[in-house]
Amino acid sequence: MDQRILIIDGHPVYASETIEFLLGLTFENIQLAKTGKQGIDDARNKKPDLVILSSMLPDMDSLEVCEAIHELTNGSTKIIVQIGLFMEVGTIHKFTDYGADAVLTRKEKDLRPLQKAIEKLLFSKV
């Protein structure tokens, strides 16, 4: 598939699992940014169709990264935020206020919710 996907995640294990999962779904054009700053720069320069953003980054608040990418792309880049199990509900709602199209609980063993969100955001005509 020729959709451009940018993963912004500083955690090497989670990032690697996500890349492997996407490759298994036959996506080929996958980029990885390990910091929020790099992710914003990559979104500006590479214009991805989809960003998969970790809610925890080593250098920036993920809400700021989400908002910056949403503004840079005028909402044309779809954003999925993966959050930890213990994220506050108010923070989850803030991500959608800042431009996220989907907010998912990160599940290491079950990536079907991520697959469903990708299918809906990239391939749904609705």
Protein backbone atom coordinates (compact mmCIF):
# COMPACT_ATOMS: atom_id res chain seq x y z
CA MET A 1 0.00 0.00 0.00
CA ASP A 2 1.30 3.40 -0.88
CA GLN A 3 -0.11 5.42 2.02
CA ARG A 4 2.60 7.26 3.93
CA ILE A 5 2.60 6.46 7.65
CA LEU A 6 4.63 8.28 10.29
CA ILE A 7 5.06 6.69 13.70
CA ILE A 8 6.12 9.09 16.46
CA ASP A 9 7.24 7.00 19.40
CA GLY A 10 10.39 7.14 21.50
CA HIS A 11 9.90 3.68 22.99
CA PRO A 12 11.97 1.24 20.89
CA VAL A 13 9.88 -1.85 21.66
CA TYR A 14 6.49 -0.24 20.97
CA ALA A 15 7.79 1.47 17.84
CA SER A 16 9.25 -1.78 16.52
CA GLU A 17 6.03 -3.71 17.24
CA THR A 18 3.97 -1.09 15.43
CA ILE A 19 6.27 -1.12 12.40
CA GLU A 20 6.19 -4.92 12.20
CA PHE A 21 2.40 -4.89 12.52
CA LEU A 22 2.04 -2.34 9.71
CA LEU A 23 4.41 -4.29 7.47
CA GLY A 24 2.22 -7.34 8.09
CA LEU A 25 -0.74 -5.30 6.86
CA THR A 26 1.29 -4.68 3.66
CA PHE A 27 2.08 -1.01 4.31
CA GLU A 28 5.49 -0.19 2.90
CA ASN A 29 6.02 3.54 3.30
CA ILE A 30 6.57 3.75 7.07
CA GLN A 31 8.75 6.34 8.78
CA LEU A 32 9.75 6.51 12.45
CA ALA A 33 10.38 9.65 14.47
CA LYS A 34 11.72 9.08 17.98
CA THR A 35 10.92 12.57 19.29
CA GLY A 36 8.09 15.04 19.01
CA LYS A 37 10.30 17.62 17.31
CA GLN A 38 11.46 15.11 14.71
CA GLY A 39 7.83 14.03 14.22
CA ILE A 40 6.66 17.57 13.54
CA ASP A 41 9.54 18.11 11.11
CA ASP A 42 8.80 14.82 9.35
CA ALA A 43 5.08 15.65 9.13
CA ARG A 44 5.97 19.00 7.56
CA ASN A 45 8.47 17.56 5.08
CA LYS A 46 7.07 14.11 4.27
CA LYS A 47 3.34 14.88 4.44
CA PRO A 48 2.14 11.52 5.78
CA ASP A 49 -1.40 10.29 5.26
CA LEU A 50 -1.46 8.91 8.80
CA VAL A 51 0.42 9.61 12.03
CA ILE A 52 0.48 7.10 14.86
CA LEU A 53 1.48 9.15 17.89
CA SER A 54 2.52 7.91 21.31
CA SER A 55 0.97 9.82 24.20
CA MET A 56 4.37 9.79 25.93
CA LEU A 57 7.35 11.36 24.17
CA PRO A 58 10.85 12.04 25.50
CA ASP A 59 11.07 15.69 24.48
CA MET A 60 7.61 17.24 24.13
CA ASP A 61 4.04 17.04 25.30
CA SER A 62 2.17 14.82 22.84
CA LEU A 63 -0.80 17.20 22.90
CA GLU A 64 1.44 19.91 21.44
CA VAL A 65 2.72 17.51 18.78
CA CYS A 66 -0.82 16.46 17.87
CA GLU A 67 -1.96 20.07 17.58
CA ALA A 68 1.09 21.12 15.55
CA ILE A 69 0.64 18.30 13.02
CA HIS A 70 -3.08 18.95 12.75
CA GLU A 71 -2.41 22.63 12.04
CA LEU A 72 0.51 21.95 9.65
CA THR A 73 -1.60 19.65 7.51
CA ASN A 74 -4.91 21.52 7.88
CA GLY A 75 -6.38 18.29 9.19
CA SER A 76 -5.57 16.30 6.04
CA THR A 77 -3.21 13.97 7.91
CA LYS A 78 -5.15 11.53 10.06
CA ILE A 79 -3.82 11.16 13.60
CA ILE A 80 -4.16 8.13 15.86
CA VAL A 81 -2.92 8.60 19.42
CA GLN A 82 -1.92 5.55 21.42
CA ILE A 83 -2.29 6.08 25.15
CA GLY A 84 -1.25 4.13 28.23
CA LEU A 85 -3.74 2.25 30.35
CA PHE A 86 -3.77 4.84 33.11
CA MET A 87 -4.32 8.01 31.09
CA GLU A 88 -6.88 10.40 32.58
CA VAL A 89 -10.18 10.69 30.72
CA GLY A 90 -9.78 14.47 30.47
CA THR A 91 -6.49 14.05 28.67
CA ILE A 92 -8.06 11.60 26.23
CA HIS A 93 -10.67 14.21 25.30
CA LYS A 94 -7.98 16.86 24.92
CA PHE A 95 -6.32 14.82 22.18
CA THR A 96 -9.49 14.97 20.09
CA ASP A 97 -9.75 18.70 20.81
CA TYR A 98 -6.17 19.07 19.54
CA GLY A 99 -6.86 17.24 16.26
CA ALA A 100 -6.61 13.51 16.91
CA ASP A 101 -8.96 11.43 14.78
CA ALA A 102 -8.77 8.42 17.10
CA VAL A 103 -7.45 7.76 20.60
CA LEU A 104 -6.69 4.13 21.44
CA THR A 105 -5.42 2.35 24.49
CA ARG A 106 -2.09 0.79 23.56
CA LYS A 107 -2.47 -2.98 23.63
CA GLU A 108 0.77 -4.85 23.14
CA LYS A 109 -0.82 -8.21 22.39
CA ASP A 110 -3.92 -7.11 20.50
CA LEU A 111 -3.40 -4.60 17.71
CA ARG A 112 -6.81 -5.17 16.11
CA PRO A 113 -8.18 -1.85 17.44
CA LEU A 114 -5.29 -0.10 15.68
CA GLN A 115 -6.02 -2.00 12.48
CA LYS A 116 -9.71 -1.07 12.64
CA ALA A 117 -8.87 2.61 13.22
CA ILE A 118 -6.45 2.61 10.27
CA GLU A 119 -9.02 0.98 8.01
CA LYS A 120 -11.67 3.47 9.03
CA LEU A 121 -9.44 6.53 8.65
CA LEU A 122 -7.64 5.59 5.44
CA PHE A 123 -10.09 3.44 3.53
CA SER A 124 -13.63 4.26 4.66
CA LYS A 125 -15.70 6.30 2.25
CA VAL A 126 -18.13 7.32 4.99
